[in-house]
Amino acid sequence: MASTSPMLTIERVQHACRAMALDCTSDQATQLLRYISEMQKWNKTYNLTALREPEKMLVQHIFDSLSVVPYLSPWLANAPGSDQSTSRKLCDIGSGGGLPGVVIAVMTPHCAVQCIDAVEKKTAFVRQMVGAVGLPNLTATHSRVEQLPEQNADIVISRAFASLVDFATLSSKHVNSTGWLVGMKGKMPDDEIDALHAQTDWQVDHIDSLVVPELNAQRCLVWMRRKKGNP
């Protein structure tokens, strides 16, 4: 059993995934539960998250992160005939203890996922998840995002940045020429979008409304691309 809570079951994870039109094998559900178990254990020393109860971690961290996967998957699929050496790359900026990066790595094993955070103990935890959860496609980098060499990622995502302007300003160099910046947000960030268009070379392409099972809260996914004419 990957968790000490009787309410954290493979069936519950798979039921939530079905509600999000997301395929989840029993092995993947087990990996997600193992991740919660490890997070709970490490949290006592490393303070990875303010949440302490496994139930809340499941819904507010795991289900919340899972909700973006159906929208990311088409952009992370490898081109026909490609091999592992040309797999898509996703960078999770300000990943903390691996959210949403670890969850995305579980659900898209063909994609290379890199979690980046400025706090060394948090990236140490994510590195530990490579073996503990079984994620050979996952890496963790301890660095401030503005000091990191360009990563040439297909998608750069963040769940933690304070504003879309900050996200675009600090992270845009890590997106390849055809890639996306993707921001996980709560309610529709209209003021942030206006500021993004006024202050950066990025613009919002589209916004997906997210529904997170068992969570009564607004969530959306903001997709950004470079303005035409900008490299």
C-alpha atoms as a PDB file:
ATOM      1  CA  MET A   1       0.000   0.000   0.000  1.00  0.00           C
ATOM      2  CA  ALA A   2       1.467   3.306  -1.091  1.00  0.00           C
ATOM      3  CA  SER A   3      -0.320   5.319   1.579  1.00  0.00           C
ATOM      4  CA  THR A   4      -1.358   4.867   5.194  1.00  0.00           C
ATOM      5  CA  SER A   5      -4.770   6.460   4.576  1.00  0.00           C
ATOM      6  CA  PRO A   6      -7.599   4.018   3.794  1.00  0.00           C
ATOM      7  CA  MET A   7      -9.230   6.761   1.701  1.00  0.00           C
ATOM      8  CA  LEU A   8      -6.281   7.006  -0.685  1.00  0.00           C
ATOM      9  CA  THR A   9      -6.941   4.146  -3.081  1.00  0.00           C
ATOM     10  CA  ILE A  10      -6.103   3.238  -6.650  1.00  0.00           C
ATOM     11  CA  GLU A  11      -9.814   3.191  -7.424  1.00  0.00           C
ATOM     12  CA  ARG A  12     -10.320   6.735  -6.149  1.00  0.00           C
ATOM     13  CA  VAL A  13      -7.449   8.054  -8.257  1.00  0.00           C
ATOM     14  CA  GLN A  14      -8.712   6.252 -11.357  1.00  0.00           C
ATOM     15  CA  HIS A  15     -12.269   7.505 -10.758  1.00  0.00           C
ATOM     16  CA  ALA A  16     -10.996  11.101 -10.607  1.00  0.00           C
ATOM     17  CA  CYS A  17      -8.984  10.581 -13.786  1.00  0.00           C
ATOM     18  CA  ARG A  18     -12.026   9.253 -15.625  1.00  0.00           C
ATOM     19  CA  ALA A  19     -13.902  12.407 -14.605  1.00  0.00           C
ATOM     20  CA  MET A  20     -11.154  14.383 -16.349  1.00  0.00           C
ATOM     21  CA  ALA A  21     -11.209  12.157 -19.463  1.00  0.00           C
ATOM     22  CA  LEU A  22      -7.748  10.929 -18.514  1.00  0.00           C
ATOM     23  CA  ASP A  23      -6.544   7.352 -18.836  1.00  0.00           C
ATOM     24  CA  CYS A  24      -4.772   6.148 -15.696  1.00  0.00           C
ATOM     25  CA  THR A  25      -3.434   2.637 -15.258  1.00  0.00           C
ATOM     26  CA  SER A  26      -3.292   0.947 -11.874  1.00  0.00           C
ATOM     27  CA  ASP A  27       0.499   1.288 -12.017  1.00  0.00           C
ATOM     28  CA  GLN A  28       0.230   5.052 -12.562  1.00  0.00           C
ATOM     29  CA  ALA A  29      -2.299   5.398  -9.741  1.00  0.00           C
ATOM     30  CA  THR A  30       0.085   3.474  -7.492  1.00  0.00           C
ATOM     31  CA  GLN A  31       2.920   5.824  -8.449  1.00  0.00           C
ATOM     32  CA  LEU A  32       0.802   8.861  -7.543  1.00  0.00           C
ATOM     33  CA  LEU A  33      -0.104   7.371  -4.181  1.00  0.00           C
ATOM     34  CA  ARG A  34       3.544   6.549  -3.545  1.00  0.00           C
ATOM     35  CA  TYR A  35       4.397  10.171  -4.284  1.00  0.00           C
ATOM     36  CA  ILE A  36       1.886  11.361  -1.677  1.00  0.00           C
ATOM     37  CA  SER A  37       3.290   8.890   0.841  1.00  0.00           C
ATOM     38  CA  GLU A  38       6.839  10.122   0.222  1.00  0.00           C
ATOM     39  CA  MET A  39       5.747  13.755   0.330  1.00  0.00           C
ATOM     40  CA  GLN A  40       4.033  13.204   3.667  1.00  0.00           C
ATOM     41  CA  LYS A  41       7.149  11.523   5.063  1.00  0.00           C
ATOM     42  CA  TRP A  42       9.619  14.137   3.813  1.00  0.00           C
ATOM     43  CA  ASN A  43       7.319  17.019   4.707  1.00  0.00           C
ATOM     44  CA  LYS A  44       8.048  16.538   8.409  1.00  0.00           C
ATOM     45  CA  THR A  45      11.629  17.655   7.847  1.00  0.00           C
ATOM     46  CA  TYR A  46      11.683  19.478   4.520  1.00  0.00           C
ATOM     47  CA  ASN A  47       8.452  21.518   4.745  1.00  0.00           C
ATOM     48  CA  LEU A  48       7.560  20.782   1.113  1.00  0.00           C
ATOM     49  CA  THR A  49       3.942  21.889   1.442  1.00  0.00           C
ATOM     50  CA  ALA A  50       1.699  23.614   3.974  1.00  0.00           C
ATOM     51  CA  LEU A  51      -0.753  20.728   3.629  1.00  0.00           C
ATOM     52  CA  ARG A  52      -0.271  17.969   6.155  1.00  0.00           C
ATOM     53  CA  GLU A  53      -3.216  15.610   5.618  1.00  0.00           C
ATOM     54  CA  PRO A  54      -2.878  13.024   2.810  1.00  0.00           C
ATOM     55  CA  GLU A  55      -6.519  13.614   1.848  1.00  0.00           C
ATOM     56  CA  LYS A  56      -5.864  17.283   1.118  1.00  0.00           C
ATOM     57  CA  MET A  57      -2.627  16.453  -0.702  1.00  0.00           C
ATOM     58  CA  LEU A  58      -4.538  14.067  -2.949  1.00  0.00           C
ATOM     59  CA  VAL A  59      -7.174  16.593  -3.983  1.00  0.00           C
ATOM     60  CA  GLN A  60      -5.382  19.940  -3.822  1.00  0.00           C
ATOM     61  CA  HIS A  61      -2.044  18.747  -5.187  1.00  0.00           C
ATOM     62  CA  ILE A  62      -2.502  15.520  -7.166  1.00  0.00           C
ATOM     63  CA  PHE A  63      -5.963  16.012  -8.664  1.00  0.00           C
ATOM     64  CA  ASP A  64      -5.193  19.686  -9.308  1.00  0.00           C
ATOM     65  CA  SER A  65      -2.015  18.742 -11.195  1.00  0.00           C
ATOM     66  CA  LEU A  66      -3.760  15.905 -13.044  1.00  0.00           C
ATOM     67  CA  SER A  67      -6.364  18.322 -14.384  1.00  0.00           C
ATOM     68  CA  VAL A  68      -3.847  19.882 -16.783  1.00  0.00           C
ATOM     69  CA  VAL A  69      -2.610  16.616 -18.301  1.00  0.00           C
ATOM     70  CA  PRO A  70      -5.398  16.133 -20.885  1.00  0.00           C
ATOM     71  CA  TYR A  71      -4.637  19.603 -22.259  1.00  0.00           C
ATOM     72  CA  LEU A  72      -0.866  19.136 -22.266  1.00  0.00           C
ATOM     73  CA  SER A  73      -0.782  15.633 -23.739  1.00  0.00           C
ATOM     74  CA  PRO A  74      -1.403  16.586 -27.403  1.00  0.00           C
ATOM     75  CA  TRP A  75       1.557  18.980 -27.282  1.00  0.00           C
ATOM     76  CA  LEU A  76       3.800  16.452 -25.552  1.00  0.00           C
ATOM     77  CA  ALA A  77       3.129  13.597 -27.987  1.00  0.00           C
ATOM     78  CA  ASN A  78       6.159  12.617 -30.015  1.00  0.00           C
ATOM     79  CA  ALA A  79       6.087  13.149 -33.755  1.00  0.00           C
ATOM     80  CA  PRO A  80       5.308  10.006 -35.791  1.00  0.00           C
ATOM     81  CA  GLY A  81       8.397   7.872 -36.224  1.00  0.00           C
ATOM     82  CA  SER A  82      10.407   9.728 -33.580  1.00  0.00           C
ATOM     83  CA  ASP A  83      12.374   7.896 -30.901  1.00  0.00           C
ATOM     84  CA  GLN A  84      13.242   8.585 -27.273  1.00  0.00           C
ATOM     85  CA  SER A  85      16.190  10.763 -28.299  1.00  0.00           C
ATOM     86  CA  THR A  86      13.747  13.290 -29.746  1.00  0.00           C
ATOM     87  CA  SER A  87      11.126  13.107 -26.978  1.00  0.00           C
ATOM     88  CA  ARG A  88       9.304  16.272 -26.001  1.00  0.00           C
ATOM     89  CA  LYS A  89      10.579  18.264 -23.051  1.00  0.00           C
ATOM     90  CA  LEU A  90       8.578  20.003 -20.326  1.00  0.00           C
ATOM     91  CA  CYS A  91      10.089  22.272 -17.686  1.00  0.00           C
ATOM     92  CA  ASP A  92       8.222  22.923 -14.451  1.00  0.00           C
ATOM     93  CA  ILE A  93       9.448  26.277 -13.146  1.00  0.00           C
ATOM     94  CA  GLY A  94       9.248  26.921  -9.393  1.00  0.00           C
ATOM     95  CA  SER A  95       8.298  23.292  -8.974  1.00  0.00           C
ATOM     96  CA  GLY A  96       8.748  23.119  -5.203  1.00  0.00           C
ATOM     97  CA  GLY A  97       8.247  19.485  -4.237  1.00  0.00           C
ATOM     98  CA  GLY A  98       7.416  18.547  -7.819  1.00  0.00           C
ATOM     99  CA  LEU A  99       4.012  20.016  -8.601  1.00  0.00           C
ATOM    100  CA  PRO A 100       2.840  19.614 -11.264  1.00  0.00           C
ATOM    101  CA  GLY A 101       6.054  18.140 -12.732  1.00  0.00           C
ATOM    102  CA  VAL A 102       6.127  14.801 -10.916  1.00  0.00           C
ATOM    103  CA  VAL A 103       2.449  14.182 -11.692  1.00  0.00           C
ATOM    104  CA  ILE A 104       3.004  15.033 -15.378  1.00  0.00           C
ATOM    105  CA  ALA A 105       6.031  12.704 -15.452  1.00  0.00           C
ATOM    106  CA  VAL A 106       3.870   9.854 -14.129  1.00  0.00           C
ATOM    107  CA  MET A 107       1.145  10.427 -16.697  1.00  0.00           C
ATOM    108  CA  THR A 108       3.398  11.113 -19.732  1.00  0.00           C
ATOM    109  CA  PRO A 109       6.275   8.624 -19.435  1.00  0.00           C
ATOM    110  CA  HIS A 110       7.368   9.344 -23.027  1.00  0.00           C
ATOM    111  CA  CYS A 111       8.077  13.002 -22.131  1.00  0.00           C
ATOM    112  CA  ALA A 112      11.228  14.324 -20.463  1.00  0.00           C
ATOM    113  CA  VAL A 113      10.156  16.359 -17.419  1.00  0.00           C
ATOM    114  CA  GLN A 114      12.527  18.715 -15.611  1.00  0.00           C
ATOM    115  CA  CYS A 115      11.542  20.244 -12.266  1.00  0.00           C
ATOM    116  CA  ILE A 116      13.382  23.487 -11.478  1.00  0.00           C
ATOM    117  CA  ASP A 117      13.414  25.239  -8.107  1.00  0.00           C
ATOM    118  CA  ALA A 118      15.666  27.643  -6.204  1.00  0.00           C
ATOM    119  CA  VAL A 119      15.320  25.701  -2.935  1.00  0.00           C
ATOM    120  CA  GLU A 120      17.867  22.882  -2.815  1.00  0.00           C
ATOM    121  CA  LYS A 121      16.033  20.660  -0.328  1.00  0.00           C
ATOM    122  CA  LYS A 122      12.981  20.623  -2.597  1.00  0.00           C
ATOM    123  CA  THR A 123      14.932  19.590  -5.678  1.00  0.00           C
ATOM    124  CA  ALA A 124      16.663  16.937  -3.528  1.00  0.00           C
ATOM    125  CA  PHE A 125      13.218  15.523  -2.753  1.00  0.00           C
ATOM    126  CA  VAL A 126      12.243  15.486  -6.430  1.00  0.00           C
ATOM    127  CA  ARG A 127      15.475  13.657  -7.306  1.00  0.00           C
ATOM    128  CA  GLN A 128      14.596  11.079  -4.696  1.00  0.00           C
ATOM    129  CA  MET A 129      11.246  10.542  -6.442  1.00  0.00           C
ATOM    130  CA  VAL A 130      13.016   9.305  -9.576  1.00  0.00           C
ATOM    131  CA  GLY A 131      13.838   6.074  -7.765  1.00  0.00           C
ATOM    132  CA  ALA A 132      11.134   5.987  -5.096  1.00  0.00           C
ATOM    133  CA  VAL A 133       8.271   6.420  -7.571  1.00  0.00           C
ATOM    134  CA  GLY A 134      10.007   4.939 -10.621  1.00  0.00           C
ATOM    135  CA  LEU A 135      10.336   7.897 -13.007  1.00  0.00           C
ATOM    136  CA  PRO A 136      13.340   7.613 -15.339  1.00  0.00           C
ATOM    137  CA  ASN A 137      11.934  10.500 -17.412  1.00  0.00           C
ATOM    138  CA  LEU A 138      12.161  12.926 -14.452  1.00  0.00           C
ATOM    139  CA  THR A 139      15.073  15.211 -13.522  1.00  0.00           C
ATOM    140  CA  ALA A 140      15.430  18.014 -10.977  1.00  0.00           C
ATOM    141  CA  THR A 141      17.595  21.129 -11.193  1.00  0.00           C
ATOM    142  CA  HIS A 142      18.490  23.411  -8.293  1.00  0.00           C
ATOM    143  CA  SER A 143      18.736  26.901  -9.756  1.00  0.00           C
ATOM    144  CA  ARG A 144      17.083  30.271  -9.973  1.00  0.00           C
ATOM    145  CA  VAL A 145      15.262  30.265 -13.290  1.00  0.00           C
ATOM    146  CA  GLU A 146      16.909  33.465 -14.523  1.00  0.00           C
ATOM    147  CA  GLN A 147      20.385  31.981 -13.922  1.00  0.00           C
ATOM    148  CA  LEU A 148      19.701  28.694 -15.717  1.00  0.00           C
ATOM    149  CA  PRO A 149      21.070  28.144 -19.250  1.00  0.00           C
ATOM    150  CA  GLU A 150      18.423  27.974 -21.968  1.00  0.00           C
ATOM    151  CA  GLN A 151      16.508  24.676 -21.799  1.00  0.00           C
ATOM    152  CA  ASN A 152      14.886  24.534 -25.271  1.00  0.00           C
ATOM    153  CA  ALA A 153      11.648  23.125 -23.852  1.00  0.00           C
ATOM    154  CA  ASP A 154       8.456  22.446 -25.777  1.00  0.00           C
ATOM    155  CA  ILE A 155       6.394  23.538 -22.775  1.00  0.00           C
ATOM    156  CA  VAL A 156       7.382  25.585 -19.745  1.00  0.00           C
ATOM    157  CA  ILE A 157       4.717  25.400 -17.045  1.00  0.00           C
ATOM    158  CA  SER A 158       4.330  26.871 -13.586  1.00  0.00           C
ATOM    159  CA  ARG A 159       1.838  26.487 -10.791  1.00  0.00           C
ATOM    160  CA  ALA A 160       3.508  28.924  -8.433  1.00  0.00           C
ATOM    161  CA  PHE A 161       4.490  32.188 -10.127  1.00  0.00           C
ATOM    162  CA  ALA A 162       2.893  35.315  -8.674  1.00  0.00           C
ATOM    163  CA  SER A 163       2.075  36.903 -12.034  1.00  0.00           C
ATOM    164  CA  LEU A 164       2.053  36.079 -15.739  1.00  0.00           C
ATOM    165  CA  VAL A 165       4.421  39.009 -16.364  1.00  0.00           C
ATOM    166  CA  ASP A 166       7.014  37.607 -13.953  1.00  0.00           C
ATOM    167  CA  PHE A 167       6.573  34.147 -15.423  1.00  0.00           C
ATOM    168  CA  ALA A 168       7.098  35.335 -18.995  1.00  0.00           C
ATOM    169  CA  THR A 169       9.957  37.687 -18.123  1.00  0.00           C
ATOM    170  CA  LEU A 170      11.969  35.104 -16.204  1.00  0.00           C
ATOM    171  CA  SER A 171      11.084  31.892 -18.056  1.00  0.00           C
ATOM    172  CA  SER A 172      10.614  32.752 -21.729  1.00  0.00           C
ATOM    173  CA  LYS A 173      14.220  32.045 -22.722  1.00  0.00           C
ATOM    174  CA  HIS A 174      13.680  28.385 -21.835  1.00  0.00           C
ATOM    175  CA  VAL A 175      10.919  27.897 -24.461  1.00  0.00           C
ATOM    176  CA  ASN A 176      11.947  26.737 -27.932  1.00  0.00           C
ATOM    177  CA  SER A 177      10.845  28.626 -31.054  1.00  0.00           C
ATOM    178  CA  THR A 178       7.582  26.693 -31.415  1.00  0.00           C
ATOM    179  CA  GLY A 179       6.900  26.133 -27.724  1.00  0.00           C
ATOM    180  CA  TRP A 180       4.468  27.378 -25.114  1.00  0.00           C
ATOM    181  CA  LEU A 181       4.471  29.100 -21.756  1.00  0.00           C
ATOM    182  CA  VAL A 182       1.613  27.647 -19.717  1.00  0.00           C
ATOM    183  CA  GLY A 183       0.435  29.154 -16.429  1.00  0.00           C
ATOM    184  CA  MET A 184      -1.799  27.358 -13.939  1.00  0.00           C
ATOM    185  CA  LYS A 185      -4.126  29.897 -12.356  1.00  0.00           C
ATOM    186  CA  GLY A 186      -7.168  30.125 -10.133  1.00  0.00           C
ATOM    187  CA  LYS A 187      -9.810  32.523 -11.383  1.00  0.00           C
ATOM    188  CA  MET A 188      -9.414  34.165 -14.788  1.00  0.00           C
ATOM    189  CA  PRO A 189      -6.438  36.574 -14.393  1.00  0.00           C
ATOM    190  CA  ASP A 190      -7.751  39.428 -16.551  1.00  0.00           C
ATOM    191  CA  ASP A 191      -5.507  42.116 -15.033  1.00  0.00           C
ATOM    192  CA  GLU A 192      -2.440  39.884 -15.391  1.00  0.00           C
ATOM    193  CA  ILE A 193      -3.280  39.222 -19.024  1.00  0.00           C
ATOM    194  CA  ASP A 194      -3.552  42.956 -19.748  1.00  0.00           C
ATOM    195  CA  ALA A 195      -0.180  43.524 -18.076  1.00  0.00           C
ATOM    196  CA  LEU A 196       1.383  40.609 -19.987  1.00  0.00           C
ATOM    197  CA  HIS A 197       0.313  42.091 -23.329  1.00  0.00           C
ATOM    198  CA  ALA A 198       1.469  45.578 -22.368  1.00  0.00           C
ATOM    199  CA  GLN A 199       4.821  44.703 -20.812  1.00  0.00           C
ATOM    200  CA  THR A 200       6.167  41.599 -22.581  1.00  0.00           C
ATOM    201  CA  ASP A 201       6.674  40.038 -26.011  1.00  0.00           C
ATOM    202  CA  TRP A 202       4.172  37.305 -25.117  1.00  0.00           C
ATOM    203  CA  GLN A 203       0.435  37.085 -25.619  1.00  0.00           C
ATOM    204  CA  VAL A 204      -2.332  34.757 -24.485  1.00  0.00           C
ATOM    205  CA  ASP A 205      -3.313  32.313 -27.227  1.00  0.00           C
ATOM    206  CA  HIS A 206      -6.136  30.522 -25.403  1.00  0.00           C
ATOM    207  CA  ILE A 207      -7.344  29.605 -21.922  1.00  0.00           C
ATOM    208  CA  ASP A 208      -8.672  26.235 -20.772  1.00  0.00           C
ATOM    209  CA  SER A 209     -11.127  26.032 -17.895  1.00  0.00           C
ATOM    210  CA  LEU A 210     -10.177  23.221 -15.524  1.00  0.00           C
ATOM    211  CA  VAL A 211     -12.456  21.066 -13.410  1.00  0.00           C
ATOM    212  CA  VAL A 212     -10.702  19.417 -10.476  1.00  0.00           C
ATOM    213  CA  PRO A 213     -12.612  16.477  -8.960  1.00  0.00           C
ATOM    214  CA  GLU A 214     -13.578  16.949  -5.296  1.00  0.00           C
ATOM    215  CA  LEU A 215     -12.388  20.561  -5.328  1.00  0.00           C
ATOM    216  CA  ASN A 216     -14.846  23.441  -5.363  1.00  0.00           C
ATOM    217  CA  ALA A 217     -12.604  26.159  -6.757  1.00  0.00           C
ATOM    218  CA  GLN A 218     -11.950  27.993  -9.994  1.00  0.00           C
ATOM    219  CA  ARG A 219      -9.000  26.807 -12.029  1.00  0.00           C
ATOM    220  CA  CYS A 220      -7.733  27.685 -15.486  1.00  0.00           C
ATOM    221  CA  LEU A 221      -4.761  27.045 -17.742  1.00  0.00           C
ATOM    222  CA  VAL A 222      -3.338  30.051 -19.591  1.00  0.00           C
ATOM    223  CA  TRP A 223      -1.483  29.289 -22.828  1.00  0.00           C
ATOM    224  CA  MET A 224       0.982  31.930 -24.052  1.00  0.00           C
ATOM    225  CA  ARG A 225       2.984  32.311 -27.236  1.00  0.00           C
ATOM    226  CA  ARG A 226       5.445  34.878 -28.520  1.00  0.00           C
ATOM    227  CA  LYS A 227       3.926  37.779 -30.394  1.00  0.00           C
ATOM    228  CA  LYS A 228       4.387  37.506 -34.139  1.00  0.00           C
ATOM    229  CA  GLY A 229       7.624  39.035 -35.299  1.00  0.00           C
ATOM    230  CA  ASN A 230       9.492  38.239 -32.056  1.00  0.00           C
ATOM    231  CA  PRO A 231      12.182  35.538 -32.025  1.00  0.00           C
END
